[in-house]
N, C-alpha and C. Protein backbone atom coordinates (compact mmCIF):
# COMPACT_ATOMS: atom_id res chain seq x y z
N UNK A 1 0.81 -1.19 0.00
CA UNK A 1 0.00 0.00 0.00
C UNK A 1 0.86 1.26 0.00
N UNK A 2 1.95 1.21 0.73
CA UNK A 2 2.84 2.36 0.83
C UNK A 2 3.47 2.69 -0.54
N UNK A 3 3.81 1.66 -1.31
CA UNK A 3 4.40 1.86 -2.63
C UNK A 3 3.41 2.57 -3.56
N UNK A 4 2.14 2.23 -3.44
CA UNK A 4 1.12 2.84 -4.28
C UNK A 4 0.99 4.33 -3.96
N UNK A 5 1.03 4.67 -2.69
CA UNK A 5 0.94 6.08 -2.28
C UNK A 5 2.14 6.86 -2.78
N UNK A 6 3.33 6.32 -2.62
CA UNK A 6 4.56 6.99 -3.09
C UNK A 6 4.52 7.15 -4.60
N UNK A 7 4.12 6.09 -5.32
CA UNK A 7 4.04 6.18 -6.78
C UNK A 7 3.01 7.21 -7.21
N UNK A 8 1.86 7.25 -6.55
CA UNK A 8 0.81 8.22 -6.89
C UNK A 8 1.29 9.65 -6.66
N UNK A 9 1.98 9.88 -5.57
CA UNK A 9 2.52 11.21 -5.28
C UNK A 9 3.56 11.61 -6.33
N UNK A 10 4.46 10.71 -6.67
CA UNK A 10 5.48 10.99 -7.68
C UNK A 10 4.83 11.29 -9.03
N UNK A 11 3.87 10.48 -9.43
CA UNK A 11 3.18 10.66 -10.70
C UNK A 11 2.46 12.01 -10.74
N UNK A 12 1.82 12.40 -9.66
CA UNK A 12 1.12 13.69 -9.58
C UNK A 12 2.10 14.85 -9.71
N UNK A 13 3.24 14.76 -9.05
CA UNK A 13 4.25 15.82 -9.14
C UNK A 13 4.79 15.96 -10.56
N UNK A 14 5.01 14.84 -11.23
CA UNK A 14 5.48 14.87 -12.61
C UNK A 14 4.46 15.54 -13.51
N UNK A 15 3.20 15.20 -13.35
CA UNK A 15 2.14 15.80 -14.15
C UNK A 15 2.03 17.30 -13.90
N UNK A 16 2.09 17.72 -12.66
CA UNK A 16 1.98 19.14 -12.34
C UNK A 16 3.17 19.94 -12.86
N UNK A 17 4.35 19.37 -12.83
CA UNK A 17 5.52 20.10 -13.32
C UNK A 17 5.47 20.30 -14.83
N UNK A 18 4.76 19.45 -15.55
CA UNK A 18 4.64 19.58 -16.99
C UNK A 18 3.59 20.58 -17.42
N UNK A 19 2.82 21.10 -16.50
CA UNK A 19 1.74 22.03 -16.83
C UNK A 19 2.20 23.47 -16.98
N UNK A 20 3.37 23.80 -16.51
CA UNK A 20 3.85 25.17 -16.56
C UNK A 20 4.57 25.43 -17.87
N UNK A 21 3.93 26.14 -18.80
CA UNK A 21 4.49 26.40 -20.13
C UNK A 21 5.73 27.28 -20.07
N UNK A 22 5.79 28.23 -19.15
CA UNK A 22 6.90 29.17 -19.08
C UNK A 22 8.22 28.49 -18.76
N UNK A 23 8.20 27.40 -18.02
CA UNK A 23 9.44 26.73 -17.67
C UNK A 23 10.09 26.10 -18.89
N UNK A 24 9.34 25.85 -19.94
CA UNK A 24 9.88 25.25 -21.16
C UNK A 24 10.68 26.27 -21.95
N UNK A 25 10.40 27.56 -21.75
CA UNK A 25 11.10 28.62 -22.46
C UNK A 25 12.31 29.04 -21.64
N UNK A 26 13.50 28.76 -22.11
CA UNK A 26 14.69 29.14 -21.35
C UNK A 26 15.30 30.43 -21.89
N UNK A 27 15.22 30.65 -23.19
CA UNK A 27 15.78 31.87 -23.79
C UNK A 27 14.74 32.97 -23.83
N UNK A 28 15.19 34.22 -23.73
CA UNK A 28 14.26 35.33 -23.92
C UNK A 28 13.68 35.31 -25.34
N UNK A 29 12.44 35.78 -25.47
CA UNK A 29 11.73 35.82 -26.76
C UNK A 29 11.07 37.18 -26.88
N UNK A 30 11.09 37.76 -28.09
CA UNK A 30 10.33 38.99 -28.31
C UNK A 30 9.52 38.89 -29.58
N UNK A 31 8.45 39.68 -29.63
CA UNK A 31 7.56 39.69 -30.79
C UNK A 31 7.82 40.98 -31.56
N UNK A 32 8.01 40.85 -32.87
CA UNK A 32 8.21 42.00 -33.75
C UNK A 32 7.36 41.79 -34.99
N UNK A 33 6.43 42.67 -35.21
CA UNK A 33 5.52 42.60 -36.36
C UNK A 33 4.82 41.24 -36.47
N UNK A 34 4.39 40.70 -35.33
CA UNK A 34 3.64 39.45 -35.33
C UNK A 34 4.47 38.19 -35.36
N UNK A 35 5.79 38.31 -35.41
CA UNK A 35 6.68 37.13 -35.42
C UNK A 35 7.48 37.09 -34.12
N UNK A 36 7.66 35.90 -33.56
CA UNK A 36 8.46 35.74 -32.35
C UNK A 36 9.89 35.39 -32.72
N UNK A 37 10.84 36.00 -32.00
CA UNK A 37 12.26 35.76 -32.22
C UNK A 37 12.91 35.37 -30.90
N UNK A 38 13.70 34.29 -30.92
CA UNK A 38 14.45 33.87 -29.75
C UNK A 38 15.74 34.66 -29.68
N UNK A 39 16.09 35.10 -28.49
CA UNK A 39 17.32 35.84 -28.27
C UNK A 39 18.42 34.85 -27.95
N UNK A 40 19.56 35.00 -28.61
CA UNK A 40 20.71 34.14 -28.34
C UNK A 40 21.80 34.97 -27.70
N UNK A 41 22.79 34.32 -27.18
CA UNK A 41 23.89 35.01 -26.52
C UNK A 41 25.14 34.96 -27.40
N UNK A 42 24.98 35.39 -28.65
CA UNK A 42 26.10 35.41 -29.58
C UNK A 42 26.67 36.82 -29.63
N UNK A 43 27.98 36.96 -29.44
CA UNK A 43 28.57 38.30 -29.47
C UNK A 43 28.49 38.91 -30.88
N UNK A 44 28.35 40.22 -30.92
CA UNK A 44 28.28 40.94 -32.19
C UNK A 44 29.02 42.26 -32.03
N UNK A 45 29.72 42.67 -33.08
CA UNK A 45 30.43 43.95 -33.06
C UNK A 45 29.46 45.09 -33.37
N UNK A 46 29.73 46.26 -32.82
CA UNK A 46 28.87 47.42 -33.06
C UNK A 46 28.80 47.78 -34.54
N UNK A 47 29.85 47.48 -35.29
CA UNK A 47 29.84 47.83 -36.72
C UNK A 47 28.87 46.95 -37.52
N UNK A 48 28.43 45.83 -36.90
CA UNK A 48 27.46 44.95 -37.56
C UNK A 48 26.02 45.41 -37.36
N UNK A 49 25.81 46.42 -36.49
CA UNK A 49 24.47 46.95 -36.25
C UNK A 49 24.14 48.02 -37.28
N UNK A 50 22.97 47.90 -37.88
CA UNK A 50 22.56 48.88 -38.89
C UNK A 50 21.88 50.08 -38.24
N UNK A 51 20.83 49.81 -37.44
CA UNK A 51 20.10 50.90 -36.80
C UNK A 51 19.23 50.35 -35.68
N UNK A 52 18.87 51.24 -34.75
CA UNK A 52 17.91 50.87 -33.70
C UNK A 52 16.53 50.88 -34.34
N UNK A 53 15.77 49.78 -34.12
CA UNK A 53 14.44 49.71 -34.72
C UNK A 53 13.32 49.87 -33.69
N UNK A 54 13.65 49.79 -32.42
CA UNK A 54 12.63 49.95 -31.39
C UNK A 54 13.10 49.42 -30.06
N UNK A 55 12.13 49.18 -29.17
CA UNK A 55 12.45 48.65 -27.86
C UNK A 55 11.27 47.86 -27.32
N UNK A 56 11.54 47.06 -26.30
CA UNK A 56 10.48 46.28 -25.65
C UNK A 56 9.62 47.25 -24.84
N UNK A 57 8.31 47.20 -25.07
CA UNK A 57 7.40 48.10 -24.35
C UNK A 57 6.63 47.38 -23.24
N UNK A 58 6.60 46.04 -23.29
CA UNK A 58 5.88 45.29 -22.26
C UNK A 58 6.56 43.95 -22.02
N UNK A 59 6.89 43.67 -20.77
CA UNK A 59 7.48 42.38 -20.40
C UNK A 59 6.34 41.44 -20.02
N UNK A 60 6.31 40.25 -20.63
CA UNK A 60 5.25 39.28 -20.36
C UNK A 60 5.81 38.10 -19.58
N UNK A 61 4.90 37.34 -18.98
CA UNK A 61 5.29 36.14 -18.24
C UNK A 61 5.00 34.88 -19.03
N UNK A 62 4.62 35.05 -20.29
CA UNK A 62 4.37 33.92 -21.18
C UNK A 62 4.84 34.31 -22.58
N UNK A 63 4.69 33.42 -23.52
CA UNK A 63 5.12 33.68 -24.89
C UNK A 63 4.47 34.96 -25.42
N UNK A 64 5.25 35.91 -25.93
CA UNK A 64 4.67 37.17 -26.39
C UNK A 64 3.80 36.98 -27.63
N UNK A 65 2.72 37.77 -27.71
CA UNK A 65 1.79 37.67 -28.83
C UNK A 65 1.59 38.99 -29.55
N UNK A 66 2.06 40.09 -28.97
CA UNK A 66 1.85 41.41 -29.57
C UNK A 66 3.17 42.08 -29.87
N UNK A 67 3.14 42.98 -30.84
CA UNK A 67 4.31 43.74 -31.28
C UNK A 67 5.00 44.42 -30.10
N UNK A 68 6.30 44.24 -29.99
CA UNK A 68 7.19 44.83 -29.00
C UNK A 68 6.99 44.28 -27.58
N UNK A 69 6.39 43.09 -27.45
CA UNK A 69 6.33 42.42 -26.16
C UNK A 69 7.55 41.51 -26.04
N UNK A 70 8.00 41.30 -24.82
CA UNK A 70 9.14 40.42 -24.61
C UNK A 70 8.97 39.53 -23.41
N UNK A 71 9.36 38.27 -23.55
CA UNK A 71 9.41 37.32 -22.45
C UNK A 71 10.84 37.27 -21.95
N UNK A 72 11.03 37.50 -20.66
CA UNK A 72 12.36 37.56 -20.03
C UNK A 72 13.21 38.69 -20.59
N UNK A 73 12.59 39.72 -21.12
CA UNK A 73 13.28 40.94 -21.56
C UNK A 73 12.63 42.13 -20.85
N UNK A 74 13.43 42.98 -20.26
CA UNK A 74 12.91 44.12 -19.53
C UNK A 74 12.34 45.17 -20.46
N UNK A 75 11.35 45.88 -19.96
CA UNK A 75 10.81 47.01 -20.73
C UNK A 75 11.95 48.00 -20.95
N UNK A 76 12.04 48.53 -22.15
CA UNK A 76 13.10 49.46 -22.50
C UNK A 76 14.31 48.82 -23.15
N UNK A 77 14.33 47.49 -23.26
CA UNK A 77 15.44 46.80 -23.94
C UNK A 77 15.46 47.21 -25.41
N UNK A 78 16.59 47.71 -25.87
CA UNK A 78 16.72 48.19 -27.26
C UNK A 78 16.82 47.02 -28.23
N UNK A 79 16.21 47.19 -29.40
CA UNK A 79 16.26 46.21 -30.48
C UNK A 79 16.91 46.85 -31.69
N UNK A 80 17.85 46.14 -32.31
CA UNK A 80 18.61 46.68 -33.44
C UNK A 80 18.49 45.78 -34.67
N UNK A 81 18.54 46.39 -35.81
CA UNK A 81 18.62 45.67 -37.08
C UNK A 81 20.09 45.37 -37.35
N UNK A 82 20.37 44.15 -37.80
CA UNK A 82 21.75 43.74 -38.08
C UNK A 82 21.99 43.81 -39.57
N UNK A 83 23.16 44.33 -39.96
CA UNK A 83 23.52 44.40 -41.38
C UNK A 83 23.62 43.01 -41.95
N UNK A 84 23.22 42.88 -43.22
CA UNK A 84 23.29 41.58 -43.90
C UNK A 84 24.62 41.39 -44.55
């Protein structure tokens, strides 16, 4: 009987931990013109930046759905266009 209780508790904890969508997102994400972009930690030189295109206006706690929203990005974070 004790094994069944332990197994049931473990199974419940596993199910509950899978319900939180935000934990699956590890990298910051922002929405620009209806498209979501993942932020990476790749270094870039200032000469590779073309121009500032905007900034994050709202920090969300879930996947962003509106223009200039960011998940794990602070309000006011600058966004730049990169030269091709």
